Protein backbone atom coordinates (compact mmCIF):
# COMPACT_ATOMS: atom_id res chain seq x y z
CA MET A 1 93.09 222.08 276.19
CA CYS A 2 91.17 219.55 274.13
CA MET A 3 91.71 215.84 274.46
CA CYS A 4 90.37 212.80 272.73
CA THR A 5 87.71 210.59 274.27
CA ARG A 6 90.18 207.77 275.08
CA GLU A 7 92.35 210.19 277.09
CA ALA A 8 89.32 211.57 278.93
CA VAL A 9 88.12 208.05 279.85
CA ALA A 10 91.61 207.07 281.08
CA ASN A 11 91.98 210.28 283.09
CA ARG A 12 88.53 209.81 284.62
CA ILE A 13 89.35 206.25 285.72
CA LEU A 14 92.56 207.47 287.35
CA GLN A 15 90.73 210.38 288.99
CA LEU A 16 88.03 208.12 290.43
CA CYS A 17 90.56 205.54 291.65
CA GLU A 18 92.43 208.29 293.46
CA THR A 19 89.22 209.65 294.99
CA LYS A 20 88.14 206.18 296.14
CA GLY A 21 91.64 205.19 297.29
CA LEU A 22 91.77 202.22 294.92
CA ALA A 23 94.77 200.85 293.07
CA ILE A 24 94.20 199.91 289.42
CA ASN A 25 94.62 196.18 290.18
CA ALA A 26 92.10 196.43 293.03
CA LEU A 27 89.56 198.12 290.75
CA ALA A 28 90.07 195.46 288.10
CA ASN A 29 89.52 192.68 290.65
CA ILE A 30 86.40 194.29 292.11
CA ALA A 31 84.99 194.94 288.62
CA GLY A 32 85.76 191.41 287.42
CA ILE A 33 87.95 192.68 284.58
CA PRO A 34 91.48 191.47 283.84
CA PRO A 35 93.99 194.09 285.06
CA MET A 36 95.57 194.07 281.57
CA THR A 37 92.26 195.34 280.15
CA VAL A 38 92.24 198.30 282.52
CA TYR A 39 95.91 199.05 281.81
CA SER A 40 95.27 198.91 278.06
CA ILE A 41 92.55 201.55 278.52
CA LEU A 42 94.87 203.71 280.64
CA ASN A 43 97.75 203.40 278.17
CA ALA A 44 95.52 204.18 275.16
CA LYS A 45 96.22 200.76 273.66
CA SER A 46 92.51 200.01 273.71
CA GLU A 47 90.99 201.88 270.76
CA ASN A 48 87.47 201.51 272.14
CA PRO A 49 87.02 200.07 275.64
CA GLY A 50 83.29 199.58 275.15
CA ILE A 51 80.45 200.74 277.30
CA VAL A 52 80.02 197.34 279.01
CA THR A 53 83.64 197.51 280.25
CA ILE A 54 83.12 201.07 281.46
CA LYS A 55 79.89 199.98 283.20
CA LYS A 56 81.77 197.17 284.98
CA LEU A 57 84.39 199.70 286.11
CA CYS A 58 81.59 201.95 287.36
CA ASP A 59 80.12 199.02 289.28
CA GLY A 60 83.55 198.42 290.82
CA LEU A 61 83.75 202.10 291.76
CA ASP A 62 80.19 201.97 293.12
CA ILE A 63 79.01 204.76 290.79
CA GLY A 64 76.62 204.99 287.87
CA LEU A 65 77.48 205.71 284.24
CA ARG A 66 75.98 209.18 284.64
CA ASP A 67 78.44 209.86 287.49
CA PHE A 68 81.35 208.56 285.41
CA PHE A 69 80.65 210.93 282.53
CA ASP A 70 79.64 213.84 284.78
CA SER A 71 83.07 215.47 284.66
CA PRO A 72 84.57 218.53 283.00
CA LEU A 73 86.95 216.09 281.26
CA PHE A 74 84.14 215.28 278.82
CA ASP A 75 83.03 218.86 278.17
CA ALA A 76 85.50 219.84 275.45
CA LEU A 77 86.35 216.63 273.65
CA GLU A 78 87.83 216.72 270.19
CA GLN A 79 85.66 215.73 267.25
CA GLU A 80 86.02 211.96 266.73
CA ILE A 81 84.68 211.98 263.16
CA ARG A 82 87.50 212.63 260.75
C-alpha cells in the first residue's frame, strides 16, 4: 500500500516513540518543540513539517536523520509531483 510522505513521517514518529517508550508530549518537550507542532504533523495538518523540525525530533529521540528515514515506510511513497 502506498502512502504520502506526510503519512510516512507521522507513522515513523509514532513508531519511534513506541520503540523508545516516549509519549508525544514528552518527545516534544525533549526536542524543544511545542506539542501542538508535533500533533499537527501527526494529524496531517502540517503540510510540510520541515527538515529542521524533523531533525529536532530526531535529536529528542537520540537518533540521526539517516536512522529516521531508514524505514520501509519510505520505500514506496507516492509521487509528490502532480
